[in-house]
Amino acid sequence: MILAKFFSLENKIVGFEISGHSGYAEQGSDIICASVSSCAYMVANTVTEIYRVEAEVEVDEGFLSLSVPASQAERLESLFKGFRLHLNALAEDYRGYLKVKNVSINK
């Protein structure tokens, strides 16, 4: 299962972490993994290349995390909320393969 965590500070999303594999199909043919990965990379690239935010990004096999300074959270709110909405819709359509979790953090 893919686990997508969205991290919020004072009700503003400041990052996300995507980990795991859906197990829906063989690697290379898994439409859920491909959908989540493509969208996650699009969001990460938009944050760093379009908005030019200095984000902490970590990528590994079956893992992508991104965190931004709290001062940039409001600026990126629509992008992050749209990403979470998209993943929630996928999780609804493919129950048991993707889980979306909201995590409140303290600083």
PDB file of N, CA and C in Angstrom:
ATOM      1  N   MET A   1       0.832  -1.178   0.000  1.00  0.00           N
ATOM      2  CA  MET A   1       0.000   0.000   0.000  1.00  0.00           C
ATOM      3  C   MET A   1       0.880   1.247   0.000  1.00  0.00           C
ATOM      4  N   ILE A   2       0.416   2.266  -0.709  1.00  0.00           N
ATOM      5  CA  ILE A   2       1.080   3.565  -0.691  1.00  0.00           C
ATOM      6  C   ILE A   2       0.488   4.361   0.469  1.00  0.00           C
ATOM      7  N   LEU A   3       1.354   4.989   1.241  1.00  0.00           N
ATOM      8  CA  LEU A   3       0.926   5.871   2.318  1.00  0.00           C
ATOM      9  C   LEU A   3       1.369   7.288   1.972  1.00  0.00           C
ATOM     10  N   ALA A   4       0.408   8.195   1.896  1.00  0.00           N
ATOM     11  CA  ALA A   4       0.680   9.608   1.638  1.00  0.00           C
ATOM     12  C   ALA A   4       0.350  10.378   2.904  1.00  0.00           C
ATOM     13  N   LYS A   5       1.351  11.043   3.462  1.00  0.00           N
ATOM     14  CA  LYS A   5       1.150  11.859   4.663  1.00  0.00           C
ATOM     15  C   LYS A   5       1.319  13.328   4.296  1.00  0.00           C
ATOM     16  N   PHE A   6       0.380  14.135   4.756  1.00  0.00           N
ATOM     17  CA  PHE A   6       0.471  15.580   4.582  1.00  0.00           C
ATOM     18  C   PHE A   6       0.690  16.189   5.956  1.00  0.00           C
ATOM     19  N   PHE A   7       1.741  16.977   6.089  1.00  0.00           N
ATOM     20  CA  PHE A   7       2.129  17.564   7.368  1.00  0.00           C
ATOM     21  C   PHE A   7       1.660  19.016   7.430  1.00  0.00           C
ATOM     22  N   SER A   8       0.947  19.342   8.501  1.00  0.00           N
ATOM     23  CA  SER A   8       0.419  20.696   8.678  1.00  0.00           C
ATOM     24  C   SER A   8       0.964  21.319   9.947  1.00  0.00           C
ATOM     25  N   LEU A   9       1.229  22.605   9.851  1.00  0.00           N
ATOM     26  CA  LEU A   9       1.650  23.417  10.988  1.00  0.00           C
ATOM     27  C   LEU A   9       0.696  24.599  11.029  1.00  0.00           C
ATOM     28  N   GLU A  10      -0.007  24.749  12.143  1.00  0.00           N
ATOM     29  CA  GLU A  10      -0.996  25.821  12.277  1.00  0.00           C
ATOM     30  C   GLU A  10      -1.983  25.817  11.111  1.00  0.00           C
ATOM     31  N   ASN A  11      -2.486  24.634  10.779  1.00  0.00           N
ATOM     32  CA  ASN A  11      -3.500  24.425   9.736  1.00  0.00           C
ATOM     33  C   ASN A  11      -3.043  24.767   8.323  1.00  0.00           C
ATOM     34  N   LYS A  12      -1.748  24.850   8.107  1.00  0.00           N
ATOM     35  CA  LYS A  12      -1.194  25.071   6.764  1.00  0.00           C
ATOM     36  C   LYS A  12      -0.298  23.896   6.418  1.00  0.00           C
ATOM     37  N   ILE A  13      -0.473  23.341   5.233  1.00  0.00           N
ATOM     38  CA  ILE A  13       0.356  22.217   4.804  1.00  0.00           C
ATOM     39  C   ILE A  13       1.769  22.721   4.540  1.00  0.00           C
ATOM     40  N   VAL A  14       2.743  22.072   5.184  1.00  0.00           N
ATOM     41  CA  VAL A  14       4.143  22.463   5.022  1.00  0.00           C
ATOM     42  C   VAL A  14       4.977  21.357   4.373  1.00  0.00           C
ATOM     43  N   GLY A  15       4.326  20.252   4.019  1.00  0.00           N
ATOM     44  CA  GLY A  15       5.063  19.189   3.362  1.00  0.00           C
ATOM     45  C   GLY A  15       4.250  17.925   3.227  1.00  0.00           C
ATOM     46  N   PHE A  16       4.866  16.964   2.564  1.00  0.00           N
ATOM     47  CA  PHE A  16       4.229  15.666   2.389  1.00  0.00           C
ATOM     48  C   PHE A  16       5.295  14.592   2.269  1.00  0.00           C
ATOM     49  N   GLU A  17       4.855  13.364   2.458  1.00  0.00           N
ATOM     50  CA  GLU A  17       5.728  12.198   2.330  1.00  0.00           C
ATOM     51  C   GLU A  17       4.918  11.092   1.679  1.00  0.00           C
ATOM     52  N   ILE A  18       5.448  10.523   0.620  1.00  0.00           N
ATOM     53  CA  ILE A  18       4.806   9.425  -0.091  1.00  0.00           C
ATOM     54  C   ILE A  18       5.729   8.223   0.024  1.00  0.00           C
ATOM     55  N   SER A  19       5.193   7.090   0.495  1.00  0.00           N
ATOM     56  CA  SER A  19       6.047   5.910   0.640  1.00  0.00           C
ATOM     57  C   SER A  19       5.271   4.634   0.299  1.00  0.00           C
ATOM     58  N   GLY A  20       6.021   3.654  -0.140  1.00  0.00           N
ATOM     59  CA  GLY A  20       5.457   2.337  -0.410  1.00  0.00           C
ATOM     60  C   GLY A  20       5.094   2.122  -1.866  1.00  0.00           C
ATOM     61  N   HIS A  21       4.545   0.948  -2.101  1.00  0.00           N
ATOM     62  CA  HIS A  21       4.068   0.556  -3.430  1.00  0.00           C
ATOM     63  C   HIS A  21       2.647   0.052  -3.279  1.00  0.00           C
ATOM     64  N   SER A  22       1.825   0.310  -4.257  1.00  0.00           N
ATOM     65  CA  SER A  22       0.413  -0.044  -4.120  1.00  0.00           C
ATOM     66  C   SER A  22       0.175  -1.552  -4.161  1.00  0.00           C
ATOM     67  N   GLY A  23       0.947  -2.260  -4.971  1.00  0.00           N
ATOM     68  CA  GLY A  23       0.714  -3.685  -5.130  1.00  0.00           C
ATOM     69  C   GLY A  23      -0.466  -3.993  -6.039  1.00  0.00           C
ATOM     70  N   TYR A  24      -0.946  -2.989  -6.750  1.00  0.00           N
ATOM     71  CA  TYR A  24      -2.097  -3.153  -7.646  1.00  0.00           C
ATOM     72  C   TYR A  24      -1.746  -4.005  -8.868  1.00  0.00           C
ATOM     73  N   ALA A  25      -0.524  -3.836  -9.367  1.00  0.00           N
ATOM     74  CA  ALA A  25      -0.070  -4.572 -10.547  1.00  0.00           C
ATOM     75  C   ALA A  25       1.450  -4.691 -10.481  1.00  0.00           C
ATOM     76  N   GLU A  26       2.020  -5.412 -11.443  1.00  0.00           N
ATOM     77  CA  GLU A  26       3.471  -5.563 -11.497  1.00  0.00           C
ATOM     78  C   GLU A  26       4.139  -4.200 -11.680  1.00  0.00           C
ATOM     79  N   GLN A  27       5.362  -4.104 -11.139  1.00  0.00           N
ATOM     80  CA  GLN A  27       6.135  -2.874 -11.306  1.00  0.00           C
ATOM     81  C   GLN A  27       6.260  -2.572 -12.793  1.00  0.00           C
ATOM     82  N   GLY A  28       6.019  -1.335 -13.149  1.00  0.00           N
ATOM     83  CA  GLY A  28       6.057  -0.922 -14.548  1.00  0.00           C
ATOM     84  C   GLY A  28       4.687  -0.924 -15.197  1.00  0.00           C
ATOM     85  N   SER A  29       3.727  -1.596 -14.572  1.00  0.00           N
ATOM     86  CA  SER A  29       2.358  -1.651 -15.094  1.00  0.00           C
ATOM     87  C   SER A  29       1.334  -1.167 -14.078  1.00  0.00           C
ATOM     88  N   ASP A  30       1.798  -0.644 -12.966  1.00  0.00           N
ATOM     89  CA  ASP A  30       0.924  -0.273 -11.858  1.00  0.00           C
ATOM     90  C   ASP A  30       0.413   1.155 -12.045  1.00  0.00           C
ATOM     91  N   ILE A  31      -0.854   1.291 -12.425  1.00  0.00           N
ATOM     92  CA  ILE A  31      -1.410   2.608 -12.715  1.00  0.00           C
ATOM     93  C   ILE A  31      -1.544   3.482 -11.466  1.00  0.00           C
ATOM     94  N   ILE A  32      -1.696   2.867 -10.303  1.00  0.00           N
ATOM     95  CA  ILE A  32      -1.811   3.650  -9.080  1.00  0.00           C
ATOM     96  C   ILE A  32      -0.457   4.258  -8.721  1.00  0.00           C
ATOM     97  N   CYS A  33       0.585   3.431  -8.745  1.00  0.00           N
ATOM     98  CA  CYS A  33       1.932   3.955  -8.470  1.00  0.00           C
ATOM     99  C   CYS A  33       2.309   5.040  -9.478  1.00  0.00           C
ATOM    100  N   ALA A  34       1.987   4.800 -10.733  1.00  0.00           N
ATOM    101  CA  ALA A  34       2.318   5.779 -11.764  1.00  0.00           C
ATOM    102  C   ALA A  34       1.561   7.088 -11.551  1.00  0.00           C
ATOM    103  N   SER A  35       0.295   7.001 -11.197  1.00  0.00           N
ATOM    104  CA  SER A  35      -0.504   8.211 -10.959  1.00  0.00           C
ATOM    105  C   SER A  35       0.021   9.007  -9.780  1.00  0.00           C
ATOM    106  N   VAL A  36       0.285   8.321  -8.678  1.00  0.00           N
ATOM    107  CA  VAL A  36       0.774   9.003  -7.472  1.00  0.00           C
ATOM    108  C   VAL A  36       2.153   9.594  -7.719  1.00  0.00           C
ATOM    109  N   SER A  37       3.043   8.818  -8.325  1.00  0.00           N
ATOM    110  CA  SER A  37       4.406   9.299  -8.588  1.00  0.00           C
ATOM    111  C   SER A  37       4.406  10.505  -9.513  1.00  0.00           C
ATOM    112  N   SER A  38       3.657  10.437 -10.585  1.00  0.00           N
ATOM    113  CA  SER A  38       3.614  11.532 -11.544  1.00  0.00           C
ATOM    114  C   SER A  38       3.115  12.810 -10.886  1.00  0.00           C
ATOM    115  N   CYS A  39       2.058  12.703 -10.121  1.00  0.00           N
ATOM    116  CA  CYS A  39       1.504  13.881  -9.458  1.00  0.00           C
ATOM    117  C   CYS A  39       2.468  14.424  -8.397  1.00  0.00           C
ATOM    118  N   ALA A  40       3.097  13.543  -7.626  1.00  0.00           N
ATOM    119  CA  ALA A  40       4.038  13.974  -6.588  1.00  0.00           C
ATOM    120  C   ALA A  40       5.235  14.704  -7.203  1.00  0.00           C
ATOM    121  N   TYR A  41       5.763  14.178  -8.288  1.00  0.00           N
ATOM    122  CA  TYR A  41       6.888  14.843  -8.953  1.00  0.00           C
ATOM    123  C   TYR A  41       6.462  16.185  -9.554  1.00  0.00           C
ATOM    124  N   MET A  42       5.247  16.248 -10.099  1.00  0.00           N
ATOM    125  CA  MET A  42       4.751  17.508 -10.644  1.00  0.00           C
ATOM    126  C   MET A  42       4.666  18.563  -9.541  1.00  0.00           C
ATOM    127  N   VAL A  43       4.153  18.174  -8.374  1.00  0.00           N
ATOM    128  CA  VAL A  43       4.048  19.123  -7.263  1.00  0.00           C
ATOM    129  C   VAL A  43       5.445  19.550  -6.796  1.00  0.00           C
ATOM    130  N   ALA A  44       6.339  18.589  -6.618  1.00  0.00           N
ATOM    131  CA  ALA A  44       7.701  18.910  -6.170  1.00  0.00           C
ATOM    132  C   ALA A  44       8.401  19.834  -7.163  1.00  0.00           C
ATOM    133  N   ASN A  45       8.267  19.547  -8.449  1.00  0.00           N
ATOM    134  CA  ASN A  45       8.893  20.393  -9.466  1.00  0.00           C
ATOM    135  C   ASN A  45       8.265  21.783  -9.513  1.00  0.00           C
ATOM    136  N   THR A  46       6.970  21.872  -9.312  1.00  0.00           N
ATOM    137  CA  THR A  46       6.298  23.172  -9.300  1.00  0.00           C
ATOM    138  C   THR A  46       6.779  24.013  -8.120  1.00  0.00           C
ATOM    139  N   VAL A  47       6.906  23.378  -6.958  1.00  0.00           N
ATOM    140  CA  VAL A  47       7.384  24.092  -5.771  1.00  0.00           C
ATOM    141  C   VAL A  47       8.788  24.631  -5.996  1.00  0.00           C
ATOM    142  N   THR A  48       9.687  23.781  -6.492  1.00  0.00           N
ATOM    143  CA  THR A  48      11.097  24.182  -6.602  1.00  0.00           C
ATOM    144  C   THR A  48      11.426  24.974  -7.868  1.00  0.00           C
ATOM    145  N   GLU A  49      10.787  24.662  -8.988  1.00  0.00           N
ATOM    146  CA  GLU A  49      11.169  25.283 -10.256  1.00  0.00           C
ATOM    147  C   GLU A  49      10.263  26.435 -10.687  1.00  0.00           C
ATOM    148  N   ILE A  50       9.000  26.397 -10.319  1.00  0.00           N
ATOM    149  CA  ILE A  50       8.081  27.468 -10.705  1.00  0.00           C
ATOM    150  C   ILE A  50       7.977  28.511  -9.590  1.00  0.00           C
ATOM    151  N   TYR A  51       7.692  28.041  -8.370  1.00  0.00           N
ATOM    152  CA  TYR A  51       7.609  28.963  -7.231  1.00  0.00           C
ATOM    153  C   TYR A  51       8.994  29.345  -6.697  1.00  0.00           C
ATOM    154  N   ARG A  52      10.010  28.574  -7.047  1.00  0.00           N
ATOM    155  CA  ARG A  52      11.388  28.826  -6.616  1.00  0.00           C
ATOM    156  C   ARG A  52      11.536  28.836  -5.087  1.00  0.00           C
ATOM    157  N   VAL A  53      10.819  27.922  -4.432  1.00  0.00           N
ATOM    158  CA  VAL A  53      10.902  27.783  -2.983  1.00  0.00           C
ATOM    159  C   VAL A  53      12.031  26.816  -2.663  1.00  0.00           C
ATOM    160  N   GLU A  54      12.850  27.170  -1.707  1.00  0.00           N
ATOM    161  CA  GLU A  54      13.939  26.305  -1.246  1.00  0.00           C
ATOM    162  C   GLU A  54      13.332  25.225  -0.357  1.00  0.00           C
ATOM    163  N   ALA A  55      12.980  24.117  -0.956  1.00  0.00           N
ATOM    164  CA  ALA A  55      12.340  23.015  -0.247  1.00  0.00           C
ATOM    165  C   ALA A  55      13.352  21.924   0.047  1.00  0.00           C
ATOM    166  N   GLU A  56      13.101  21.187   1.106  1.00  0.00           N
ATOM    167  CA  GLU A  56      13.878  19.987   1.385  1.00  0.00           C
ATOM    168  C   GLU A  56      13.174  18.831   0.681  1.00  0.00           C
ATOM    169  N   VAL A  57      13.873  18.200  -0.242  1.00  0.00           N
ATOM    170  CA  VAL A  57      13.299  17.109  -1.019  1.00  0.00           C
ATOM    171  C   VAL A  57      14.177  15.884  -0.856  1.00  0.00           C
ATOM    172  N   GLU A  58      13.543  14.745  -0.614  1.00  0.00           N
ATOM    173  CA  GLU A  58      14.261  13.475  -0.521  1.00  0.00           C
ATOM    174  C   GLU A  58      13.547  12.464  -1.404  1.00  0.00           C
ATOM    175  N   VAL A  59      14.328  11.785  -2.246  1.00  0.00           N
ATOM    176  CA  VAL A  59      13.778  10.803  -3.170  1.00  0.00           C
ATOM    177  C   VAL A  59      14.570   9.512  -3.052  1.00  0.00           C
ATOM    178  N   ASP A  60      13.854   8.409  -2.989  1.00  0.00           N
ATOM    179  CA  ASP A  60      14.463   7.083  -2.966  1.00  0.00           C
ATOM    180  C   ASP A  60      13.454   6.125  -3.595  1.00  0.00           C
ATOM    181  N   GLU A  61      13.824   4.897  -3.795  1.00  0.00           N
ATOM    182  CA  GLU A  61      12.913   3.911  -4.368  1.00  0.00           C
ATOM    183  C   GLU A  61      11.666   3.794  -3.493  1.00  0.00           C
ATOM    184  N   GLY A  62      10.512   4.112  -4.065  1.00  0.00           N
ATOM    185  CA  GLY A  62       9.258   4.025  -3.328  1.00  0.00           C
ATOM    186  C   GLY A  62       9.086   5.086  -2.259  1.00  0.00           C
ATOM    187  N   PHE A  63       9.810   6.208  -2.389  1.00  0.00           N
ATOM    188  CA  PHE A  63       9.747   7.249  -1.360  1.00  0.00           C
ATOM    189  C   PHE A  63      10.020   8.623  -1.957  1.00  0.00           C
ATOM    190  N   LEU A  64       9.190   9.599  -1.590  1.00  0.00           N
ATOM    191  CA  LEU A  64       9.435  10.997  -1.941  1.00  0.00           C
ATOM    192  C   LEU A  64       8.889  11.844  -0.801  1.00  0.00           C
ATOM    193  N   SER A  65       9.718  12.752  -0.296  1.00  0.00           N
ATOM    194  CA  SER A  65       9.243  13.691   0.719  1.00  0.00           C
ATOM    195  C   SER A  65       9.646  15.094   0.320  1.00  0.00           C
ATOM    196  N   LEU A  66       8.827  16.042   0.731  1.00  0.00           N
ATOM    197  CA  LEU A  66       9.088  17.441   0.449  1.00  0.00           C
ATOM    198  C   LEU A  66       8.604  18.242   1.653  1.00  0.00           C
ATOM    199  N   SER A  67       9.428  19.178   2.107  1.00  0.00           N
ATOM    200  CA  SER A  67       8.997  20.087   3.161  1.00  0.00           C
ATOM    201  C   SER A  67       9.455  21.496   2.798  1.00  0.00           C
ATOM    202  N   VAL A  68       8.621  22.459   3.149  1.00  0.00           N
ATOM    203  CA  VAL A  68       8.908  23.858   2.834  1.00  0.00           C
ATOM    204  C   VAL A  68       8.937  24.665   4.133  1.00  0.00           C
ATOM    205  N   PRO A  69       9.605  25.805   4.119  1.00  0.00           N
ATOM    206  CA  PRO A  69       9.567  26.669   5.296  1.00  0.00           C
ATOM    207  C   PRO A  69       8.124  27.098   5.584  1.00  0.00           C
ATOM    208  N   ALA A  70       7.781  27.206   6.854  1.00  0.00           N
ATOM    209  CA  ALA A  70       6.430  27.615   7.247  1.00  0.00           C
ATOM    210  C   ALA A  70       6.045  28.953   6.618  1.00  0.00           C
ATOM    211  N   SER A  71       7.024  29.797   6.390  1.00  0.00           N
ATOM    212  CA  SER A  71       6.755  31.115   5.798  1.00  0.00           C
ATOM    213  C   SER A  71       6.232  31.020   4.361  1.00  0.00           C
ATOM    214  N   GLN A  72       6.410  29.871   3.712  1.00  0.00           N
ATOM    215  CA  GLN A  72       5.967  29.686   2.329  1.00  0.00           C
ATOM    216  C   GLN A  72       4.655  28.906   2.225  1.00  0.00           C
ATOM    217  N   ALA A  73       4.152  28.406   3.350  1.00  0.00           N
ATOM    218  CA  ALA A  73       2.979  27.519   3.343  1.00  0.00           C
ATOM    219  C   ALA A  73       1.739  28.176   2.736  1.00  0.00           C
ATOM    220  N   GLU A  74       1.480  29.405   3.091  1.00  0.00           N
ATOM    221  CA  GLU A  74       0.280  30.073   2.569  1.00  0.00           C
ATOM    222  C   GLU A  74       0.365  30.248   1.056  1.00  0.00           C
ATOM    223  N   ARG A  75       1.536  30.566   0.577  1.00  0.00           N
ATOM    224  CA  ARG A  75       1.772  30.751  -0.860  1.00  0.00           C
ATOM    225  C   ARG A  75       1.508  29.468  -1.648  1.00  0.00           C
ATOM    226  N   LEU A  76       1.785  28.322  -1.033  1.00  0.00           N
ATOM    227  CA  LEU A  76       1.667  27.021  -1.707  1.00  0.00           C
ATOM    228  C   LEU A  76       0.393  26.274  -1.346  1.00  0.00           C
ATOM    229  N   GLU A  77      -0.482  26.901  -0.566  1.00  0.00           N
ATOM    230  CA  GLU A  77      -1.663  26.230  -0.034  1.00  0.00           C
ATOM    231  C   GLU A  77      -2.544  25.590  -1.110  1.00  0.00           C
ATOM    232  N   SER A  78      -2.848  26.308  -2.160  1.00  0.00           N
ATOM    233  CA  SER A  78      -3.722  25.761  -3.215  1.00  0.00           C
ATOM    234  C   SER A  78      -3.093  24.558  -3.902  1.00  0.00           C
ATOM    235  N   LEU A  79      -1.804  24.634  -4.162  1.00  0.00           N
ATOM    236  CA  LEU A  79      -1.102  23.525  -4.800  1.00  0.00           C
ATOM    237  C   LEU A  79      -1.149  22.279  -3.919  1.00  0.00           C
ATOM    238  N   PHE A  80      -0.809  22.430  -2.642  1.00  0.00           N
ATOM    239  CA  PHE A  80      -0.810  21.286  -1.727  1.00  0.00           C
ATOM    240  C   PHE A  80      -2.213  20.737  -1.504  1.00  0.00           C
ATOM    241  N   LYS A  81      -3.202  21.606  -1.368  1.00  0.00           N
ATOM    242  CA  LYS A  81      -4.578  21.141  -1.174  1.00  0.00           C
ATOM    243  C   LYS A  81      -5.091  20.419  -2.414  1.00  0.00           C
ATOM    244  N   GLY A  82      -4.729  20.905  -3.592  1.00  0.00           N
ATOM    245  CA  GLY A  82      -5.110  20.232  -4.829  1.00  0.00           C
ATOM    246  C   GLY A  82      -4.490  18.851  -4.934  1.00  0.00           C
ATOM    247  N   PHE A  83      -3.237  18.737  -4.529  1.00  0.00           N
ATOM    248  CA  PHE A  83      -2.540  17.445  -4.530  1.00  0.00           C
ATOM    249  C   PHE A  83      -3.224  16.477  -3.569  1.00  0.00           C
ATOM    250  N   ARG A  84      -3.537  16.962  -2.366  1.00  0.00           N
ATOM    251  CA  ARG A  84      -4.203  16.106  -1.383  1.00  0.00           C
ATOM    252  C   ARG A  84      -5.592  15.683  -1.882  1.00  0.00           C
ATOM    253  N   LEU A  85      -6.323  16.587  -2.494  1.00  0.00           N
ATOM    254  CA  LEU A  85      -7.634  16.277  -3.059  1.00  0.00           C
ATOM    255  C   LEU A  85      -7.527  15.186  -4.122  1.00  0.00           C
ATOM    256  N   HIS A  86      -6.537  15.307  -4.976  1.00  0.00           N
ATOM    257  CA  HIS A  86      -6.306  14.320  -6.032  1.00  0.00           C
ATOM    258  C   HIS A  86      -6.007  12.941  -5.434  1.00  0.00           C
ATOM    259  N   LEU A  87      -5.129  12.898  -4.433  1.00  0.00           N
ATOM    260  CA  LEU A  87      -4.789  11.617  -3.814  1.00  0.00           C
ATOM    261  C   LEU A  87      -5.972  11.034  -3.047  1.00  0.00           C
ATOM    262  N   ASN A  88      -6.771  11.878  -2.406  1.00  0.00           N
ATOM    263  CA  ASN A  88      -7.966  11.380  -1.725  1.00  0.00           C
ATOM    264  C   ASN A  88      -8.945  10.748  -2.716  1.00  0.00           C
ATOM    265  N   ALA A  89      -9.090  11.340  -3.884  1.00  0.00           N
ATOM    266  CA  ALA A  89      -9.967  10.770  -4.913  1.00  0.00           C
ATOM    267  C   ALA A  89      -9.436   9.422  -5.393  1.00  0.00           C
ATOM    268  N   LEU A  90      -8.124   9.325  -5.597  1.00  0.00           N
ATOM    269  CA  LEU A  90      -7.530   8.041  -5.990  1.00  0.00           C
ATOM    270  C   LEU A  90      -7.726   6.994  -4.889  1.00  0.00           C
ATOM    271  N   ALA A  91      -7.540   7.407  -3.637  1.00  0.00           N
ATOM    272  CA  ALA A  91      -7.707   6.480  -2.509  1.00  0.00           C
ATOM    273  C   ALA A  91      -9.144   5.980  -2.427  1.00  0.00           C
ATOM    274  N   GLU A  92     -10.085   6.833  -2.757  1.00  0.00           N
ATOM    275  CA  GLU A  92     -11.495   6.440  -2.754  1.00  0.00           C
ATOM    276  C   GLU A  92     -11.772   5.416  -3.866  1.00  0.00           C
ATOM    277  N   ASP A  93     -11.191   5.647  -5.027  1.00  0.00           N
ATOM    278  CA  ASP A  93     -11.401   4.749  -6.164  1.00  0.00           C
ATOM    279  C   ASP A  93     -10.648   3.423  -6.025  1.00  0.00           C
ATOM    280  N   TYR A  94      -9.530   3.439  -5.326  1.00  0.00           N
ATOM    281  CA  TYR A  94      -8.679   2.255  -5.202  1.00  0.00           C
ATOM    282  C   TYR A  94      -8.420   1.936  -3.734  1.00  0.00           C
ATOM    283  N   ARG A  95      -9.487   1.665  -3.020  1.00  0.00           N
ATOM    284  CA  ARG A  95      -9.400   1.343  -1.590  1.00  0.00           C
ATOM    285  C   ARG A  95      -8.470   0.152  -1.370  1.00  0.00           C
ATOM    286  N   GLY A  96      -7.629   0.277  -0.364  1.00  0.00           N
ATOM    287  CA  GLY A  96      -6.706  -0.800  -0.041  1.00  0.00           C
ATOM    288  C   GLY A  96      -5.358  -0.696  -0.733  1.00  0.00           C
ATOM    289  N   TYR A  97      -5.229   0.259  -1.642  1.00  0.00           N
ATOM    290  CA  TYR A  97      -3.970   0.432  -2.366  1.00  0.00           C
ATOM    291  C   TYR A  97      -3.272   1.755  -2.039  1.00  0.00           C
ATOM    292  N   LEU A  98      -4.042   2.718  -1.526  1.00  0.00           N
ATOM    293  CA  LEU A  98      -3.517   4.049  -1.219  1.00  0.00           C
ATOM    294  C   LEU A  98      -4.255   4.579  -0.005  1.00  0.00           C
ATOM    295  N   LYS A  99      -3.495   5.102   0.949  1.00  0.00           N
ATOM    296  CA  LYS A  99      -4.078   5.726   2.136  1.00  0.00           C
ATOM    297  C   LYS A  99      -3.498   7.123   2.279  1.00  0.00           C
ATOM    298  N   VAL A 100      -4.359   8.101   2.556  1.00  0.00           N
ATOM    299  CA  VAL A 100      -3.949   9.485   2.745  1.00  0.00           C
ATOM    300  C   VAL A 100      -4.176   9.834   4.213  1.00  0.00           C
ATOM    301  N   LYS A 101      -3.141  10.390   4.824  1.00  0.00           N
ATOM    302  CA  LYS A 101      -3.189  10.711   6.245  1.00  0.00           C
ATOM    303  C   LYS A 101      -2.765  12.157   6.452  1.00  0.00           C
ATOM    304  N   ASN A 102      -3.468  12.870   7.329  1.00  0.00           N
ATOM    305  CA  ASN A 102      -3.115  14.241   7.694  1.00  0.00           C
ATOM    306  C   ASN A 102      -2.442  14.211   9.052  1.00  0.00           C
ATOM    307  N   VAL A 103      -1.295  14.845   9.143  1.00  0.00           N
ATOM    308  CA  VAL A 103      -0.506  14.846  10.377  1.00  0.00           C
ATOM    309  C   VAL A 103      -0.245  16.280  10.805  1.00  0.00           C
ATOM    310  N   SER A 104      -0.656  16.616  12.023  1.00  0.00           N
ATOM    311  CA  SER A 104      -0.394  17.937  12.563  1.00  0.00           C
ATOM    312  C   SER A 104       0.941  17.889  13.310  1.00  0.00           C
ATOM    313  N   ILE A 105       1.804  18.845  13.016  1.00  0.00           N
ATOM    314  CA  ILE A 105       3.113  18.864  13.668  1.00  0.00           C
ATOM    315  C   ILE A 105       3.219  20.097  14.553  1.00  0.00           C
ATOM    316  N   ASN A 106       4.041  19.996  15.553  1.00  0.00           N
ATOM    317  CA  ASN A 106       4.316  21.118  16.466  1.00  0.00           C
ATOM    318  C   ASN A 106       5.730  21.601  16.237  1.00  0.00           C
ATOM    319  N   LYS A 107       5.925  22.883  16.288  1.00  0.00           N
ATOM    320  CA  LYS A 107       7.275  23.419  16.104  1.00  0.00           C
ATOM    321  C   LYS A 107       7.714  24.159  17.303  1.00  0.00           C
TER     322      LYS A 107
END
